[in-house]
């Protein structure tokens, strides 16, 4: 069964955060993970800022082993609709819309997504 691991999950895992161990079971096999391009952006940006470019490139390389889903027109329009319906910020809406488009659940620690259908909230 495929899933979408949100930026919060990857960042927790890569940085050894308090929830890192809870994400381990969701992160293998990588072939079963869907990754929106906006997650690549968020993870790379945060890791580069906190740990440097070399580490960011290394970590994002692991994300490249997942099924990376580009932001298409249909996902963008769905994200806009979901943003309006649920009051989501742009990145959250794109993540949620990508999951809806791909028919997978979102695994996240982002409180803005926790009460939406099809979301597994890790706390």
Protein backbone atom coordinates (compact mmCIF):
# COMPACT_ATOMS: atom_id res chain seq x y z
CA UNK A 1 0.00 0.00 0.00
CA UNK A 2 1.44 3.34 -1.04
CA UNK A 3 1.52 6.38 1.25
CA UNK A 4 2.63 9.98 1.11
CA UNK A 5 5.05 11.02 3.86
CA UNK A 6 4.82 14.76 4.44
CA UNK A 7 7.84 17.03 4.95
CA UNK A 8 7.36 16.90 8.72
CA UNK A 9 7.95 13.15 8.73
CA UNK A 10 11.08 13.25 6.60
CA UNK A 11 12.51 16.13 8.61
CA UNK A 12 11.83 14.33 11.90
CA UNK A 13 13.52 11.21 10.55
CA UNK A 14 16.55 12.93 9.02
CA UNK A 15 17.20 15.17 12.03
CA UNK A 16 16.61 12.51 14.68
CA UNK A 17 13.65 14.44 16.06
CA UNK A 18 11.42 13.30 18.89
CA UNK A 19 9.14 11.45 16.45
CA UNK A 20 11.88 9.92 14.28
CA UNK A 21 11.35 6.38 15.55
CA UNK A 22 7.62 6.57 14.83
CA UNK A 23 8.34 7.34 11.19
CA UNK A 24 10.77 4.47 10.60
CA UNK A 25 8.00 1.98 9.80
CA UNK A 26 6.47 4.34 7.24
CA UNK A 27 9.71 5.00 5.35
CA UNK A 28 10.41 1.55 3.93
CA UNK A 29 10.19 0.45 1.26
CA UNK A 30 10.74 3.77 -0.48
CA UNK A 31 9.11 2.39 -3.64
CA UNK A 32 5.79 2.57 -1.77
CA UNK A 33 6.14 6.27 -0.93
CA UNK A 34 4.69 9.08 -3.01
CA UNK A 35 6.51 12.44 -2.73
CA UNK A 36 5.12 15.72 -4.06
CA UNK A 37 7.79 18.03 -5.46
CA UNK A 38 6.87 20.61 -2.80
CA UNK A 39 8.09 18.12 -0.15
CA UNK A 40 11.48 18.02 -1.90
CA UNK A 41 11.56 21.82 -1.64
CA UNK A 42 10.59 21.94 2.04
CA UNK A 43 12.97 19.20 3.15
CA UNK A 44 15.91 20.54 1.14
CA UNK A 45 15.38 24.10 2.38
CA UNK A 46 15.13 23.18 6.05
CA UNK A 47 18.04 20.73 6.04
CA UNK A 48 20.26 23.10 4.03
CA UNK A 49 19.53 25.96 6.44
CA UNK A 50 20.22 23.85 9.52
CA UNK A 51 22.88 21.37 8.36
CA UNK A 52 24.37 22.69 5.12
CA UNK A 53 24.08 21.95 1.43
CA UNK A 54 26.02 18.68 1.39
CA UNK A 55 23.74 17.12 3.99
CA UNK A 56 20.64 18.52 2.29
CA UNK A 57 21.65 17.01 -1.06
CA UNK A 58 22.38 13.66 0.60
CA UNK A 59 19.01 13.54 2.38
CA UNK A 60 16.98 14.71 -0.60
CA UNK A 61 18.72 12.02 -2.63
CA UNK A 62 16.89 9.50 -0.49
CA UNK A 63 13.61 11.15 -1.41
CA UNK A 64 14.47 10.66 -5.07
CA UNK A 65 14.11 6.92 -4.51
CA UNK A 66 10.41 7.47 -3.87
CA UNK A 67 7.78 8.08 -6.52
CA UNK A 68 8.17 11.85 -7.04
CA UNK A 69 4.95 13.46 -8.27
CA UNK A 70 5.22 16.80 -10.07
CA UNK A 71 2.73 19.60 -9.53
CA UNK A 72 0.41 19.22 -12.50
CA UNK A 73 -2.40 21.54 -13.52
CA UNK A 74 -5.03 19.16 -12.17
CA UNK A 75 -3.25 18.83 -8.81
CA UNK A 76 -2.84 22.62 -8.63
CA UNK A 77 -6.56 23.21 -9.18
CA UNK A 78 -7.47 20.48 -6.69
CA UNK A 79 -5.06 22.04 -4.17
CA UNK A 80 -6.70 25.43 -4.60
CA UNK A 81 -10.14 23.89 -4.03
CA UNK A 82 -8.92 21.99 -0.95
CA UNK A 83 -7.22 25.12 0.37
CA UNK A 84 -10.47 27.05 0.13
CA UNK A 85 -12.54 24.22 1.62
CA UNK A 86 -10.22 23.42 4.55
CA UNK A 87 -8.32 26.67 5.07
CA UNK A 88 -4.97 25.11 4.17
CA UNK A 89 -1.74 26.94 3.37
CA UNK A 90 -0.44 26.42 -0.16
CA UNK A 91 2.16 23.72 0.59
CA UNK A 92 -0.25 21.76 2.80
CA UNK A 93 -2.93 21.98 0.12
CA UNK A 94 -0.51 20.70 -2.55
CA UNK A 95 0.55 17.79 -0.33
CA UNK A 96 -3.06 16.88 0.46
CA UNK A 97 -4.16 17.28 -3.18
CA UNK A 98 -1.30 15.08 -4.37
CA UNK A 99 -2.38 12.37 -1.93
CA UNK A 100 -5.98 12.65 -3.11
CA UNK A 101 -4.88 12.54 -6.76
CA UNK A 102 -2.74 9.43 -6.15
CA UNK A 103 -5.32 7.72 -3.90
CA UNK A 104 -2.95 7.43 -0.92
CA UNK A 105 -2.98 8.44 2.74
CA UNK A 106 -0.84 11.29 4.07
CA UNK A 107 1.43 10.46 7.03
CA UNK A 108 2.30 13.68 8.85
CA UNK A 109 2.92 15.51 12.10
CA UNK A 110 1.51 18.73 10.67
CA UNK A 111 -1.39 19.76 12.91
CA UNK A 112 -2.99 21.65 10.00
CA UNK A 113 -3.69 18.32 8.28
CA UNK A 114 -4.49 16.11 11.27
CA UNK A 115 -8.29 16.17 11.12
CA UNK A 116 -8.67 15.67 7.38
CA UNK A 117 -9.91 12.39 5.90
CA UNK A 118 -7.10 10.16 4.66
CA UNK A 119 -4.50 11.57 7.05
CA UNK A 120 -2.48 9.52 9.55
CA UNK A 121 -1.36 11.96 12.23
CA UNK A 122 1.87 11.01 14.02
CA UNK A 123 2.31 12.67 17.40
